[in-house]
């Protein structure tokens, strides 16, 4: 399994089951080293409905005939746009040709914001994502605060790689993310959702210091990958 970070919370996961994009925010992402027309995917998984996570999902889904997996409300809204979707919800899991997806709790906002119309379309509860192919499991936390539920997730699931936000302001910061590592007990962790903009600037090496020996911290540059 190969996990590539394209900045912010955007990851591509390649395995024997296919290529899955998680939160494919490329267009408008100042950290992204590639554009949406330079990548392909067999499926898309979304953590929640904010624009910096839904990103290029519609364009990629149409171009590659890729289904979108999301919480039920977000899947419904995207389905109304003519996209192929599969709705799940918190605590629910489903097996697909491209792997097993389970949603777990995240604490954040949600909704598609239309600034011109000054409206917000409700898109359901935000989620963290457990993605499993064979004996490898990746935990993508999405946008979230530190949650007591992380301890339960860590006890119930053997996590090979955790992708955790450290940017603060909109999500947990480095201190809380380091505590999340201790609760989730992953083998390795990659920090995400930081340095996209000045408001969420962080030092990933300082985060690694806070994690200590709780897990191996792998600091990626946008476009770099880790093999599991």
C-alpha atoms as a PDB file:
ATOM      1  CA  UNK A   1       0.000   0.000   0.000  1.00  0.00           C
ATOM      2  CA  UNK A   2       1.364   3.419  -1.012  1.00  0.00           C
ATOM      3  CA  UNK A   3       0.023   6.584   0.647  1.00  0.00           C
ATOM      4  CA  UNK A   4       0.815   9.908  -1.068  1.00  0.00           C
ATOM      5  CA  UNK A   5       0.171  13.317   0.506  1.00  0.00           C
ATOM      6  CA  UNK A   6      -0.781  16.209  -1.760  1.00  0.00           C
ATOM      7  CA  UNK A   7      -0.923  18.841   0.972  1.00  0.00           C
ATOM      8  CA  UNK A   8      -3.656  19.858   3.422  1.00  0.00           C
ATOM      9  CA  UNK A   9      -5.766  16.709   4.082  1.00  0.00           C
ATOM     10  CA  UNK A  10      -5.548  15.330   0.548  1.00  0.00           C
ATOM     11  CA  UNK A  11      -4.206  11.786   0.144  1.00  0.00           C
ATOM     12  CA  UNK A  12      -4.061   9.184  -2.604  1.00  0.00           C
ATOM     13  CA  UNK A  13      -3.859   5.538  -1.469  1.00  0.00           C
ATOM     14  CA  UNK A  14      -2.742   2.917  -3.992  1.00  0.00           C
ATOM     15  CA  UNK A  15      -3.072  -0.805  -3.288  1.00  0.00           C
ATOM     16  CA  UNK A  16      -3.883  -4.086  -4.965  1.00  0.00           C
ATOM     17  CA  UNK A  17      -7.570  -3.125  -4.597  1.00  0.00           C
ATOM     18  CA  UNK A  18      -7.211   0.087  -6.612  1.00  0.00           C
ATOM     19  CA  UNK A  19      -6.504   3.778  -6.097  1.00  0.00           C
ATOM     20  CA  UNK A  20      -8.571   5.759  -3.604  1.00  0.00           C
ATOM     21  CA  UNK A  21      -8.531   9.535  -3.101  1.00  0.00           C
ATOM     22  CA  UNK A  22      -9.369  10.943   0.327  1.00  0.00           C
ATOM     23  CA  UNK A  23     -10.484  14.586   0.587  1.00  0.00           C
ATOM     24  CA  UNK A  24      -9.195  15.446  -2.937  1.00  0.00           C
ATOM     25  CA  UNK A  25      -8.614  19.192  -2.518  1.00  0.00           C
ATOM     26  CA  UNK A  26      -6.216  20.065  -5.344  1.00  0.00           C
ATOM     27  CA  UNK A  27      -7.667  23.063  -7.202  1.00  0.00           C
ATOM     28  CA  UNK A  28      -7.133  26.071  -4.945  1.00  0.00           C
ATOM     29  CA  UNK A  29      -4.785  24.169  -2.655  1.00  0.00           C
ATOM     30  CA  UNK A  30      -1.559  26.227  -2.565  1.00  0.00           C
ATOM     31  CA  UNK A  31       0.403  23.236  -1.263  1.00  0.00           C
ATOM     32  CA  UNK A  32      -0.674  20.780  -3.963  1.00  0.00           C
ATOM     33  CA  UNK A  33       2.163  19.818  -6.343  1.00  0.00           C
ATOM     34  CA  UNK A  34      -0.235  18.350  -8.931  1.00  0.00           C
ATOM     35  CA  UNK A  35      -3.500  19.384 -10.562  1.00  0.00           C
ATOM     36  CA  UNK A  36      -6.707  17.371 -10.681  1.00  0.00           C
ATOM     37  CA  UNK A  37      -6.153  16.441 -14.318  1.00  0.00           C
ATOM     38  CA  UNK A  38      -2.758  14.874 -13.493  1.00  0.00           C
ATOM     39  CA  UNK A  39      -4.109  12.196 -11.146  1.00  0.00           C
ATOM     40  CA  UNK A  40      -6.612   9.358 -11.384  1.00  0.00           C
ATOM     41  CA  UNK A  41      -8.606   7.339  -8.880  1.00  0.00           C
ATOM     42  CA  UNK A  42     -11.015   4.413  -8.716  1.00  0.00           C
ATOM     43  CA  UNK A  43     -12.988   5.803  -5.770  1.00  0.00           C
ATOM     44  CA  UNK A  44     -13.217   8.847  -3.509  1.00  0.00           C
ATOM     45  CA  UNK A  45     -13.814   9.023   0.243  1.00  0.00           C
ATOM     46  CA  UNK A  46     -14.847  12.299   1.891  1.00  0.00           C
ATOM     47  CA  UNK A  47     -14.575  13.164   5.582  1.00  0.00           C
ATOM     48  CA  UNK A  48     -17.043  16.064   5.490  1.00  0.00           C
ATOM     49  CA  UNK A  49     -18.625  18.700   3.293  1.00  0.00           C
ATOM     50  CA  UNK A  50     -16.269  21.686   3.544  1.00  0.00           C
ATOM     51  CA  UNK A  51     -14.858  22.898   0.231  1.00  0.00           C
ATOM     52  CA  UNK A  52     -11.231  22.290   1.251  1.00  0.00           C
ATOM     53  CA  UNK A  53     -12.069  18.588   1.623  1.00  0.00           C
ATOM     54  CA  UNK A  54     -14.692  17.915  -1.052  1.00  0.00           C
ATOM     55  CA  UNK A  55     -12.356  19.758  -3.413  1.00  0.00           C
ATOM     56  CA  UNK A  56     -12.238  18.203  -6.879  1.00  0.00           C
ATOM     57  CA  UNK A  57     -14.419  15.216  -5.993  1.00  0.00           C
ATOM     58  CA  UNK A  58     -17.084  15.941  -8.613  1.00  0.00           C
ATOM     59  CA  UNK A  59     -14.606  16.471 -11.457  1.00  0.00           C
ATOM     60  CA  UNK A  60     -12.614  13.356 -10.548  1.00  0.00           C
ATOM     61  CA  UNK A  61     -15.750  11.249 -10.126  1.00  0.00           C
ATOM     62  CA  UNK A  62     -17.019  12.249 -13.553  1.00  0.00           C
ATOM     63  CA  UNK A  63     -13.654  11.886 -15.288  1.00  0.00           C
ATOM     64  CA  UNK A  64     -12.829   8.450 -13.862  1.00  0.00           C
ATOM     65  CA  UNK A  65     -16.319   7.053 -13.222  1.00  0.00           C
ATOM     66  CA  UNK A  66     -15.368   6.875  -9.541  1.00  0.00           C
ATOM     67  CA  UNK A  67     -17.982   6.422  -6.796  1.00  0.00           C
ATOM     68  CA  UNK A  68     -17.926   8.777  -3.812  1.00  0.00           C
ATOM     69  CA  UNK A  69     -18.262   7.400  -0.276  1.00  0.00           C
ATOM     70  CA  UNK A  70     -19.449   9.925   2.307  1.00  0.00           C
ATOM     71  CA  UNK A  71     -21.802  10.290   5.252  1.00  0.00           C
ATOM     72  CA  UNK A  72     -25.405   9.912   4.136  1.00  0.00           C
ATOM     73  CA  UNK A  73     -26.343  13.588   3.928  1.00  0.00           C
ATOM     74  CA  UNK A  74     -23.246  14.593   1.977  1.00  0.00           C
ATOM     75  CA  UNK A  75     -23.672  11.570  -0.300  1.00  0.00           C
ATOM     76  CA  UNK A  76     -27.277  12.625  -0.900  1.00  0.00           C
ATOM     77  CA  UNK A  77     -26.352  16.202  -1.824  1.00  0.00           C
ATOM     78  CA  UNK A  78     -23.682  14.979  -4.230  1.00  0.00           C
ATOM     79  CA  UNK A  79     -26.077  12.413  -5.641  1.00  0.00           C
ATOM     80  CA  UNK A  80     -28.490  15.228  -6.484  1.00  0.00           C
ATOM     81  CA  UNK A  81     -25.659  16.624  -8.622  1.00  0.00           C
ATOM     82  CA  UNK A  82     -25.696  13.458 -10.715  1.00  0.00           C
ATOM     83  CA  UNK A  83     -22.713  11.767  -9.054  1.00  0.00           C
ATOM     84  CA  UNK A  84     -22.550   8.103  -8.067  1.00  0.00           C
ATOM     85  CA  UNK A  85     -22.404   7.943  -4.269  1.00  0.00           C
ATOM     86  CA  UNK A  86     -22.675   5.512  -1.391  1.00  0.00           C
ATOM     87  CA  UNK A  87     -23.851   6.868   1.937  1.00  0.00           C
ATOM     88  CA  UNK A  88     -22.677   5.480   5.262  1.00  0.00           C
ATOM     89  CA  UNK A  89     -22.757   6.914   8.749  1.00  0.00           C
ATOM     90  CA  UNK A  90     -20.799   7.062  11.977  1.00  0.00           C
ATOM     91  CA  UNK A  91     -19.975   3.586  13.262  1.00  0.00           C
ATOM     92  CA  UNK A  92     -21.013   1.929  10.008  1.00  0.00           C
ATOM     93  CA  UNK A  93     -18.675  -0.010   7.740  1.00  0.00           C
ATOM     94  CA  UNK A  94     -19.029  -1.351   4.209  1.00  0.00           C
ATOM     95  CA  UNK A  95     -16.918  -3.563   1.971  1.00  0.00           C
ATOM     96  CA  UNK A  96     -16.208  -2.294  -1.550  1.00  0.00           C
ATOM     97  CA  UNK A  97     -14.101  -3.680  -4.392  1.00  0.00           C
ATOM     98  CA  UNK A  98     -11.533  -1.009  -3.477  1.00  0.00           C
ATOM     99  CA  UNK A  99     -11.412  -1.810   0.274  1.00  0.00           C
ATOM    100  CA  UNK A 100     -13.352  -1.561   3.520  1.00  0.00           C
ATOM    101  CA  UNK A 101     -14.512   1.852   4.769  1.00  0.00           C
ATOM    102  CA  UNK A 102     -15.685   2.607   8.297  1.00  0.00           C
ATOM    103  CA  UNK A 103     -16.637   6.041   9.600  1.00  0.00           C
ATOM    104  CA  UNK A 104     -15.881   7.002  13.214  1.00  0.00           C
ATOM    105  CA  UNK A 105     -16.663  10.225  15.123  1.00  0.00           C
ATOM    106  CA  UNK A 106     -15.019  13.578  14.394  1.00  0.00           C
ATOM    107  CA  UNK A 107     -15.779  16.897  16.086  1.00  0.00           C
ATOM    108  CA  UNK A 108     -15.976  19.723  13.560  1.00  0.00           C
ATOM    109  CA  UNK A 109     -18.410  21.768  11.466  1.00  0.00           C
ATOM    110  CA  UNK A 110     -19.880  20.761   8.162  1.00  0.00           C
ATOM    111  CA  UNK A 111     -21.810  22.177   5.229  1.00  0.00           C
ATOM    112  CA  UNK A 112     -21.316  23.501   1.710  1.00  0.00           C
ATOM    113  CA  UNK A 113     -20.998  27.275   1.820  1.00  0.00           C
ATOM    114  CA  UNK A 114     -22.217  29.469  -1.036  1.00  0.00           C
ATOM    115  CA  UNK A 115     -20.747  32.876  -0.227  1.00  0.00           C
ATOM    116  CA  UNK A 116     -22.521  34.627  -3.105  1.00  0.00           C
ATOM    117  CA  UNK A 117     -25.931  33.408  -1.968  1.00  0.00           C
ATOM    118  CA  UNK A 118     -24.936  33.531   1.711  1.00  0.00           C
ATOM    119  CA  UNK A 119     -26.294  30.030   2.262  1.00  0.00           C
ATOM    120  CA  UNK A 120     -24.975  26.842   3.852  1.00  0.00           C
ATOM    121  CA  UNK A 121     -26.198  23.435   2.710  1.00  0.00           C
ATOM    122  CA  UNK A 122     -26.229  20.912   5.548  1.00  0.00           C
ATOM    123  CA  UNK A 123     -24.083  17.889   4.729  1.00  0.00           C
ATOM    124  CA  UNK A 124     -24.324  15.725   7.831  1.00  0.00           C
ATOM    125  CA  UNK A 125     -21.924  14.900  10.618  1.00  0.00           C
ATOM    126  CA  UNK A 126     -18.172  15.103   9.958  1.00  0.00           C
ATOM    127  CA  UNK A 127     -16.311  11.817  10.171  1.00  0.00           C
ATOM    128  CA  UNK A 128     -12.947  10.200  10.600  1.00  0.00           C
ATOM    129  CA  UNK A 129     -12.181   7.376   8.190  1.00  0.00           C
ATOM    130  CA  UNK A 130     -10.823   3.873   8.725  1.00  0.00           C
ATOM    131  CA  UNK A 131      -9.729   2.485   5.347  1.00  0.00           C
ATOM    132  CA  UNK A 132      -8.611  -1.140   5.203  1.00  0.00           C
ATOM    133  CA  UNK A 133      -7.195  -3.280   2.401  1.00  0.00           C
ATOM    134  CA  UNK A 134      -6.044  -6.763   3.395  1.00  0.00           C
ATOM    135  CA  UNK A 135      -4.102  -6.486   6.641  1.00  0.00           C
ATOM    136  CA  UNK A 136      -3.333  -2.754   6.336  1.00  0.00           C
ATOM    137  CA  UNK A 137      -5.477  -0.033   7.913  1.00  0.00           C
ATOM    138  CA  UNK A 138      -5.114   3.733   7.476  1.00  0.00           C
ATOM    139  CA  UNK A 139      -6.927   6.114   9.834  1.00  0.00           C
ATOM    140  CA  UNK A 140      -7.667   9.540   8.297  1.00  0.00           C
ATOM    141  CA  UNK A 141      -8.967  11.749  11.099  1.00  0.00           C
ATOM    142  CA  UNK A 142     -10.512  14.405   8.849  1.00  0.00           C
ATOM    143  CA  UNK A 143     -10.966  17.750  10.582  1.00  0.00           C
ATOM    144  CA  UNK A 144     -11.459  17.141  14.273  1.00  0.00           C
ATOM    145  CA  UNK A 145     -10.813  18.129  17.842  1.00  0.00           C
ATOM    146  CA  UNK A 146      -9.282  15.685  20.309  1.00  0.00           C
ATOM    147  CA  UNK A 147     -11.948  13.112  21.181  1.00  0.00           C
ATOM    148  CA  UNK A 148     -12.238  10.552  23.945  1.00  0.00           C
ATOM    149  CA  UNK A 149     -13.516   8.178  21.248  1.00  0.00           C
ATOM    150  CA  UNK A 150      -9.995   7.922  19.824  1.00  0.00           C
ATOM    151  CA  UNK A 151      -9.094   5.582  22.662  1.00  0.00           C
ATOM    152  CA  UNK A 152     -11.958   3.257  21.710  1.00  0.00           C
ATOM    153  CA  UNK A 153     -10.964   3.379  18.043  1.00  0.00           C
ATOM    154  CA  UNK A 154      -7.395   2.501  18.992  1.00  0.00           C
ATOM    155  CA  UNK A 155      -8.501  -0.427  21.143  1.00  0.00           C
ATOM    156  CA  UNK A 156     -10.876  -1.792  18.516  1.00  0.00           C
ATOM    157  CA  UNK A 157      -8.678  -1.387  15.439  1.00  0.00           C
ATOM    158  CA  UNK A 158      -5.019  -2.057  14.668  1.00  0.00           C
ATOM    159  CA  UNK A 159      -3.924   1.093  12.837  1.00  0.00           C
ATOM    160  CA  UNK A 160      -0.853   0.922  10.637  1.00  0.00           C
ATOM    161  CA  UNK A 161      -0.874   4.626   9.740  1.00  0.00           C
ATOM    162  CA  UNK A 162      -2.743   7.580  11.264  1.00  0.00           C
ATOM    163  CA  UNK A 163      -3.163  10.825   9.326  1.00  0.00           C
ATOM    164  CA  UNK A 164      -3.793  13.545  11.899  1.00  0.00           C
ATOM    165  CA  UNK A 165      -4.435  17.299  11.619  1.00  0.00           C
ATOM    166  CA  UNK A 166      -2.055  19.488  13.639  1.00  0.00           C
ATOM    167  CA  UNK A 167      -2.866  22.964  12.305  1.00  0.00           C
ATOM    168  CA  UNK A 168      -4.857  24.255  15.295  1.00  0.00           C
ATOM    169  CA  UNK A 169      -7.512  27.019  14.954  1.00  0.00           C
ATOM    170  CA  UNK A 170      -9.887  24.813  12.886  1.00  0.00           C
ATOM    171  CA  UNK A 171      -8.711  21.435  14.251  1.00  0.00           C
ATOM    172  CA  UNK A 172      -6.659  20.068  17.094  1.00  0.00           C
ATOM    173  CA  UNK A 173      -3.185  21.506  17.385  1.00  0.00           C
ATOM    174  CA  UNK A 174       0.110  19.686  17.969  1.00  0.00           C
ATOM    175  CA  UNK A 175      -0.432  19.067  21.704  1.00  0.00           C
ATOM    176  CA  UNK A 176      -3.859  17.513  21.261  1.00  0.00           C
ATOM    177  CA  UNK A 177      -2.763  15.623  18.144  1.00  0.00           C
ATOM    178  CA  UNK A 178       0.113  14.095  20.116  1.00  0.00           C
ATOM    179  CA  UNK A 179      -2.378  12.947  22.732  1.00  0.00           C
ATOM    180  CA  UNK A 180      -4.524  11.512  19.922  1.00  0.00           C
ATOM    181  CA  UNK A 181      -1.527   9.417  18.867  1.00  0.00           C
ATOM    182  CA  UNK A 182      -1.253   7.947  22.361  1.00  0.00           C
ATOM    183  CA  UNK A 183      -4.968   7.120  22.313  1.00  0.00           C
ATOM    184  CA  UNK A 184      -5.088   5.670  18.787  1.00  0.00           C
ATOM    185  CA  UNK A 185      -1.848   3.690  19.165  1.00  0.00           C
ATOM    186  CA  UNK A 186      -0.901   3.626  15.454  1.00  0.00           C
ATOM    187  CA  UNK A 187       2.383   2.192  14.252  1.00  0.00           C
ATOM    188  CA  UNK A 188       3.152   5.342  12.276  1.00  0.00           C
ATOM    189  CA  UNK A 189       1.635   8.812  11.970  1.00  0.00           C
ATOM    190  CA  UNK A 190       1.750  11.517   9.305  1.00  0.00           C
ATOM    191  CA  UNK A 191       0.760  15.082  10.273  1.00  0.00           C
ATOM    192  CA  UNK A 192      -1.629  16.899   7.928  1.00  0.00           C
ATOM    193  CA  UNK A 193      -3.848  19.999   7.691  1.00  0.00           C
ATOM    194  CA  UNK A 194      -1.027  22.428   8.467  1.00  0.00           C
ATOM    195  CA  UNK A 195       1.015  25.072   6.600  1.00  0.00           C
ATOM    196  CA  UNK A 196      -1.557  25.332   3.814  1.00  0.00           C
ATOM    197  CA  UNK A 197      -2.130  28.924   4.945  1.00  0.00           C
ATOM    198  CA  UNK A 198      -0.473  31.124   7.565  1.00  0.00           C
ATOM    199  CA  UNK A 199      -3.416  30.669   9.946  1.00  0.00           C
ATOM    200  CA  UNK A 200      -2.578  26.972  10.372  1.00  0.00           C
ATOM    201  CA  UNK A 201       1.217  27.219  10.256  1.00  0.00           C
ATOM    202  CA  UNK A 202       2.955  24.605  12.424  1.00  0.00           C
ATOM    203  CA  UNK A 203       6.342  22.947  12.841  1.00  0.00           C
ATOM    204  CA  UNK A 204       5.893  19.211  12.185  1.00  0.00           C
ATOM    205  CA  UNK A 205       9.242  18.449  13.818  1.00  0.00           C
ATOM    206  CA  UNK A 206       7.946  19.983  17.050  1.00  0.00           C
ATOM    207  CA  UNK A 207       4.885  17.744  16.770  1.00  0.00           C
ATOM    208  CA  UNK A 208       7.162  14.736  16.355  1.00  0.00           C
ATOM    209  CA  UNK A 209       8.937  15.756  19.555  1.00  0.00           C
ATOM    210  CA  UNK A 210       5.624  15.830  21.416  1.00  0.00           C
ATOM    211  CA  UNK A 211       4.744  12.356  20.154  1.00  0.00           C
ATOM    212  CA  UNK A 212       8.031  10.982  21.426  1.00  0.00           C
ATOM    213  CA  UNK A 213       8.147   7.198  21.352  1.00  0.00           C
ATOM    214  CA  UNK A 214       4.373   6.699  21.104  1.00  0.00           C
ATOM    215  CA  UNK A 215       4.636   6.121  17.335  1.00  0.00           C
ATOM    216  CA  UNK A 216       6.970   6.709  14.419  1.00  0.00           C
ATOM    217  CA  UNK A 217       6.265  10.163  12.993  1.00  0.00           C
ATOM    218  CA  UNK A 218       6.824  10.446   9.245  1.00  0.00           C
ATOM    219  CA  UNK A 219       6.974  14.037   7.994  1.00  0.00           C
ATOM    220  CA  UNK A 220       6.089  14.210   4.320  1.00  0.00           C
ATOM    221  CA  UNK A 221       6.444  17.064   1.877  1.00  0.00           C
ATOM    222  CA  UNK A 222       3.516  17.511  -0.532  1.00  0.00           C
ATOM    223  CA  UNK A 223       3.921  14.932  -3.283  1.00  0.00           C
ATOM    224  CA  UNK A 224       5.906  12.511  -1.120  1.00  0.00           C
ATOM    225  CA  UNK A 225       4.660   9.046  -0.180  1.00  0.00           C
ATOM    226  CA  UNK A 226       4.972   6.395   2.500  1.00  0.00           C
ATOM    227  CA  UNK A 227       4.812   2.640   1.818  1.00  0.00           C
ATOM    228  CA  UNK A 228       3.031   0.307   4.224  1.00  0.00           C
END
